Amino acid sequence: MAMQAQSITSVIGVESECVAPKAHDTYFANEPNLIAPFDFNYDLIIDFKTRVGMAEVYFNPVMWCSCCCCYPCFLQKNIEWDARSQHLALTVDGIRYVKEKRKSCCGLPCTDRGRESKTVPYDKITDCDVQEPAGTACCCCIQNVLSVVNIDTASSGVGGNFVLHEMSLQGLADPHAFKHSVWAMKRRLAPSGAQPTQMGKSLSSPCQMEMHNVLLTEIRDELKLLNQKMDCR
């Protein structure tokens, strides 16, 4: 009974820390370990990347030869296919990002790109922060409007002149809610009093892992129930 009461208290604690916004993306509807899905702002992504892509064609003489291959004609469709293939959710196992099978190039079946998926466990995350849009993207005439959520693990680092992140999510509809949800999940996985450097060892116990899985399942069920109540209103 004491363990059950502690689990219920933990669930309430997660809800008070962060309640995921209701998402319209139903891609993960049948995911057994789902906690909360998150939406991408597809229209904003498509509009911004199309304007940047067309500006690069118009103002870069090197790109003019691409007109012979009808590149500008297929540019927006390629951006749309790529953007709408993205899906994101928090699951019991971690952050789950999927790019579904999609068309590319001229849209023929021979140019299709296969499904890609990646899961980042909460205990491996060392940083999760939001990079706000600022400045211009191309020729000082196109404002940056897409925020970026950068997720780092111990394997992240610097490659040449670029910072290599474990995962970069561009164009989330509510990036700050996602960030707070990730940190809330990570805090719930950390045993009381554990140091960040000890977290990996603490989670290695099978008994501890089982307790965490039960707790995360309860959190998922509570969030679903909360969303249903909000729909009824």
Protein backbone atom coordinates (compact mmCIF):
# COMPACT_ATOMS: atom_id res chain seq x y z
CA MET A 1 0.00 0.00 0.00
CA ALA A 2 2.85 2.36 0.83
CA MET A 3 4.45 1.74 -2.59
CA GLN A 4 1.11 2.30 -4.32
CA ALA A 5 0.58 5.57 -2.43
CA GLN A 6 4.10 6.67 -3.39
CA SER A 7 3.40 5.86 -7.06
CA ILE A 8 0.16 7.86 -7.01
CA THR A 9 1.97 10.78 -5.41
CA SER A 10 4.64 10.57 -8.11
CA VAL A 11 2.01 10.60 -10.84
CA ILE A 12 0.35 13.67 -9.33
CA GLY A 13 3.78 15.27 -9.10
CA VAL A 14 4.40 14.75 -12.80
CA GLU A 15 1.01 16.25 -13.68
CA SER A 16 1.71 19.30 -11.53
CA GLU A 17 5.15 19.73 -13.10
CA CYS A 18 3.97 19.51 -16.68
CA VAL A 19 0.77 18.54 -18.49
CA ALA A 20 1.47 17.84 -22.14
CA PRO A 21 -0.69 19.93 -24.51
CA LYS A 22 -3.31 18.02 -26.44
CA ALA A 23 -1.79 16.90 -29.73
CA HIS A 24 -3.62 16.49 -33.04
CA ASP A 25 -1.13 13.93 -34.37
CA THR A 26 -2.66 10.43 -34.04
CA TYR A 27 0.36 8.57 -35.44
CA PHE A 28 1.17 7.01 -32.05
CA ALA A 29 -2.45 6.21 -31.17
CA ASN A 30 -1.73 2.47 -31.00
CA GLU A 31 1.67 2.82 -29.30
CA PRO A 32 1.47 0.60 -26.16
CA ASN A 33 4.09 2.60 -24.22
CA LEU A 34 2.85 6.05 -25.19
CA ILE A 35 2.94 8.84 -22.60
CA ALA A 36 2.23 11.93 -24.75
CA PRO A 37 2.54 12.86 -28.45
CA PHE A 38 3.69 16.31 -29.60
CA ASP A 39 2.78 18.21 -32.76
CA PHE A 40 5.03 19.75 -35.38
CA ASN A 41 3.83 22.98 -36.96
CA TYR A 42 3.83 21.49 -40.45
CA ASP A 43 2.42 24.54 -42.24
CA LEU A 44 5.00 26.88 -40.73
CA ILE A 45 7.86 24.46 -41.54
CA ILE A 46 6.73 24.06 -45.15
CA ASP A 47 6.22 27.79 -45.72
CA PHE A 48 9.57 28.79 -44.17
CA LYS A 49 11.69 26.11 -45.86
CA THR A 50 10.02 26.72 -49.24
CA ARG A 51 10.81 30.45 -49.11
CA VAL A 52 14.41 29.73 -48.09
CA GLY A 53 14.79 27.11 -50.82
CA MET A 54 13.42 29.38 -53.55
CA ALA A 55 15.64 32.26 -52.37
CA GLU A 56 18.70 30.01 -52.62
CA VAL A 57 17.77 29.14 -56.20
CA TYR A 58 17.16 32.75 -57.23
CA PHE A 59 20.19 34.33 -55.57
CA ASN A 60 22.78 31.59 -56.01
CA PRO A 61 24.03 31.31 -59.64
CA VAL A 62 25.36 27.83 -58.89
CA MET A 63 21.78 26.67 -58.33
CA TRP A 64 20.45 28.03 -61.62
CA CYS A 65 21.44 24.89 -63.46
CA SER A 66 18.99 22.97 -61.23
CA CYS A 67 16.17 24.63 -63.19
CA CYS A 68 17.02 22.30 -66.06
CA CYS A 69 15.97 19.40 -63.83
CA CYS A 70 12.76 21.19 -62.76
CA TYR A 71 14.09 21.40 -59.21
CA PRO A 72 12.08 24.54 -58.31
CA CYS A 73 8.88 22.82 -59.47
CA PHE A 74 9.32 19.93 -57.03
CA LEU A 75 10.91 21.93 -54.20
CA GLN A 76 7.75 22.63 -52.20
CA LYS A 77 6.42 19.07 -52.61
CA ASN A 78 9.72 17.62 -51.37
CA ILE A 79 9.68 19.90 -48.35
CA GLU A 80 6.05 18.99 -47.64
CA TRP A 81 6.68 15.25 -47.97
CA ASP A 82 9.65 15.47 -45.62
CA ALA A 83 7.95 17.73 -43.05
CA ARG A 84 4.71 15.77 -42.76
CA SER A 85 6.57 12.48 -42.33
CA GLN A 86 7.82 13.61 -38.89
CA HIS A 87 6.20 12.37 -35.68
CA LEU A 88 7.28 12.82 -32.07
CA ALA A 89 6.19 11.41 -28.72
CA LEU A 90 7.35 10.69 -25.20
CA THR A 91 7.11 7.00 -24.37
CA VAL A 92 7.99 4.86 -21.40
CA ASP A 93 11.34 4.12 -23.06
CA GLY A 94 12.30 7.72 -23.93
CA ILE A 95 11.91 10.35 -26.64
CA ARG A 96 10.66 8.65 -29.80
CA TYR A 97 11.08 10.38 -33.17
CA VAL A 98 9.87 8.81 -36.41
CA LYS A 99 10.13 9.84 -40.05
CA GLU A 100 7.65 7.69 -41.92
CA LYS A 101 8.20 6.35 -45.43
CA ARG A 102 7.88 9.29 -47.82
CA LYS A 103 8.24 10.42 -51.41
CA SER A 104 11.22 12.42 -52.60
CA CYS A 105 12.70 13.99 -55.76
CA CYS A 106 10.08 13.75 -58.51
CA GLY A 107 7.70 11.58 -56.46
CA LEU A 108 8.22 8.33 -58.37
CA PRO A 109 8.18 5.09 -56.31
CA CYS A 110 11.84 4.45 -57.16
CA THR A 111 12.84 7.61 -55.25
CA ASP A 112 10.92 6.84 -52.04
CA ARG A 113 12.78 7.15 -48.74
CA GLY A 114 12.34 4.47 -46.11
CA ARG A 115 11.04 4.81 -42.57
CA GLU A 116 13.49 6.07 -39.95
CA SER A 117 13.05 6.01 -36.18
CA LYS A 118 15.10 6.89 -33.13
CA THR A 119 14.57 6.62 -29.38
CA VAL A 120 16.65 8.55 -26.84
CA PRO A 121 16.34 7.10 -23.28
CA TYR A 122 15.69 9.66 -20.55
CA ASP A 123 18.63 8.50 -18.44
CA LYS A 124 21.04 9.17 -21.34
CA ILE A 125 19.97 12.81 -21.79
CA THR A 126 22.47 15.38 -20.53
CA ASP A 127 20.80 18.49 -21.95
CA CYS A 128 17.52 19.51 -23.57
CA ASP A 129 17.01 23.16 -24.44
CA VAL A 130 15.14 25.40 -26.85
CA GLN A 131 16.91 27.62 -29.38
CA GLU A 132 14.58 30.51 -30.14
CA PRO A 133 14.36 31.83 -33.72
CA ALA A 134 16.25 35.06 -34.36
CA GLY A 135 17.76 36.96 -37.28
CA THR A 136 17.33 36.06 -40.92
CA ALA A 137 17.85 32.83 -42.79
CA CYS A 138 18.72 33.95 -46.30
CA CYS A 139 19.75 37.23 -47.95
CA CYS A 140 18.59 39.26 -44.94
CA CYS A 141 15.01 39.08 -46.20
CA ILE A 142 13.58 35.89 -44.68
CA GLN A 143 13.08 35.95 -40.92
CA ASN A 144 13.88 32.83 -38.91
CA VAL A 145 10.57 31.62 -37.48
CA LEU A 146 11.33 28.03 -36.45
CA SER A 147 12.46 27.18 -32.94
CA VAL A 148 14.83 24.24 -32.46
CA VAL A 149 14.90 21.82 -29.53
CA ASN A 150 18.41 20.39 -29.11
CA ILE A 151 18.81 17.16 -27.17
CA ASP A 152 22.27 16.07 -26.08
CA THR A 153 23.72 12.90 -24.61
CA ALA A 154 27.23 11.93 -23.58
CA SER A 155 27.97 11.04 -27.23
CA SER A 156 27.18 14.58 -28.44
CA GLY A 157 30.11 16.80 -29.29
CA VAL A 158 31.73 19.14 -31.78
CA GLY A 159 32.45 18.01 -35.34
CA GLY A 160 34.53 20.53 -37.26
CA ASN A 161 32.74 23.87 -36.98
CA PHE A 162 29.41 22.30 -36.00
CA VAL A 163 27.94 21.10 -32.71
CA LEU A 164 26.69 17.54 -33.10
CA HIS A 165 23.49 17.03 -31.13
CA GLU A 166 21.95 13.65 -30.42
CA MET A 167 18.66 14.99 -31.81
CA SER A 168 17.52 18.37 -33.17
CA LEU A 169 13.80 18.95 -33.54
CA GLN A 170 12.88 21.95 -35.68
CA GLY A 171 9.43 23.49 -35.83
CA LEU A 172 7.63 21.98 -32.83
CA ALA A 173 4.25 23.57 -32.17
CA ASP A 174 5.02 23.92 -28.44
CA PRO A 175 8.77 23.46 -27.93
CA HIS A 176 8.79 24.69 -24.32
CA ALA A 177 6.08 22.24 -23.24
CA PHE A 178 8.12 19.45 -24.82
CA LYS A 179 11.29 20.58 -23.05
CA HIS A 180 9.56 20.76 -19.65
CA SER A 181 7.97 17.34 -20.21
CA VAL A 182 11.35 15.78 -21.02
CA TRP A 183 12.92 17.20 -17.86
CA ALA A 184 9.91 16.12 -15.80
CA MET A 185 10.27 12.55 -17.09
CA LYS A 186 14.00 12.58 -16.43
CA ARG A 187 13.49 13.79 -12.85
CA ARG A 188 10.96 11.02 -12.22
CA LEU A 189 13.51 8.42 -13.35
CA ALA A 190 16.19 9.66 -10.95
CA PRO A 191 16.12 7.87 -7.55
CA SER A 192 15.78 10.20 -4.59
CA GLY A 193 19.18 11.61 -3.61
CA ALA A 194 20.98 10.17 -6.64
CA GLN A 195 23.67 12.28 -8.30
CA PRO A 196 23.50 12.77 -12.10
CA THR A 197 26.71 10.78 -12.55
CA GLN A 198 25.21 7.87 -10.58
CA MET A 199 21.90 7.79 -12.44
CA GLY A 200 22.97 5.21 -14.98
CA LYS A 201 24.14 2.81 -12.26
CA SER A 202 21.01 3.38 -10.18
CA LEU A 203 18.80 2.42 -13.11
CA SER A 204 20.73 -0.75 -13.80
CA SER A 205 18.88 -2.64 -11.04
CA PRO A 206 16.15 -4.85 -12.58
CA CYS A 207 13.86 -4.17 -9.62
CA GLN A 208 14.33 -0.43 -9.96
CA MET A 209 13.69 -0.58 -13.70
CA GLU A 210 10.48 -2.53 -13.13
CA MET A 211 9.25 0.07 -10.63
CA HIS A 212 10.03 2.86 -13.09
CA ASN A 213 8.16 1.10 -15.90
CA VAL A 214 5.08 0.69 -13.68
CA LEU A 215 5.27 4.35 -12.67
CA LEU A 216 5.64 5.57 -16.26
CA THR A 217 2.69 3.42 -17.34
CA GLU A 218 0.58 5.02 -14.60
CA ILE A 219 1.71 8.47 -15.74
CA ARG A 220 0.68 7.62 -19.31
CA ASP A 221 -2.76 6.44 -18.20
CA GLU A 222 -3.29 9.53 -16.05
CA LEU A 223 -2.37 11.84 -18.95
CA LYS A 224 -4.80 10.02 -21.26
CA LEU A 225 -7.55 10.35 -18.66
CA LEU A 226 -6.77 14.05 -18.23
CA ASN A 227 -6.95 14.63 -22.01
CA GLN A 228 -10.32 12.84 -22.13
CA LYS A 229 -11.67 15.09 -19.38
CA MET A 230 -10.42 18.17 -21.24
CA ASP A 231 -12.18 16.96 -24.43
CA CYS A 232 -15.45 16.59 -22.54
CA ARG A 233 -15.27 20.24 -21.53
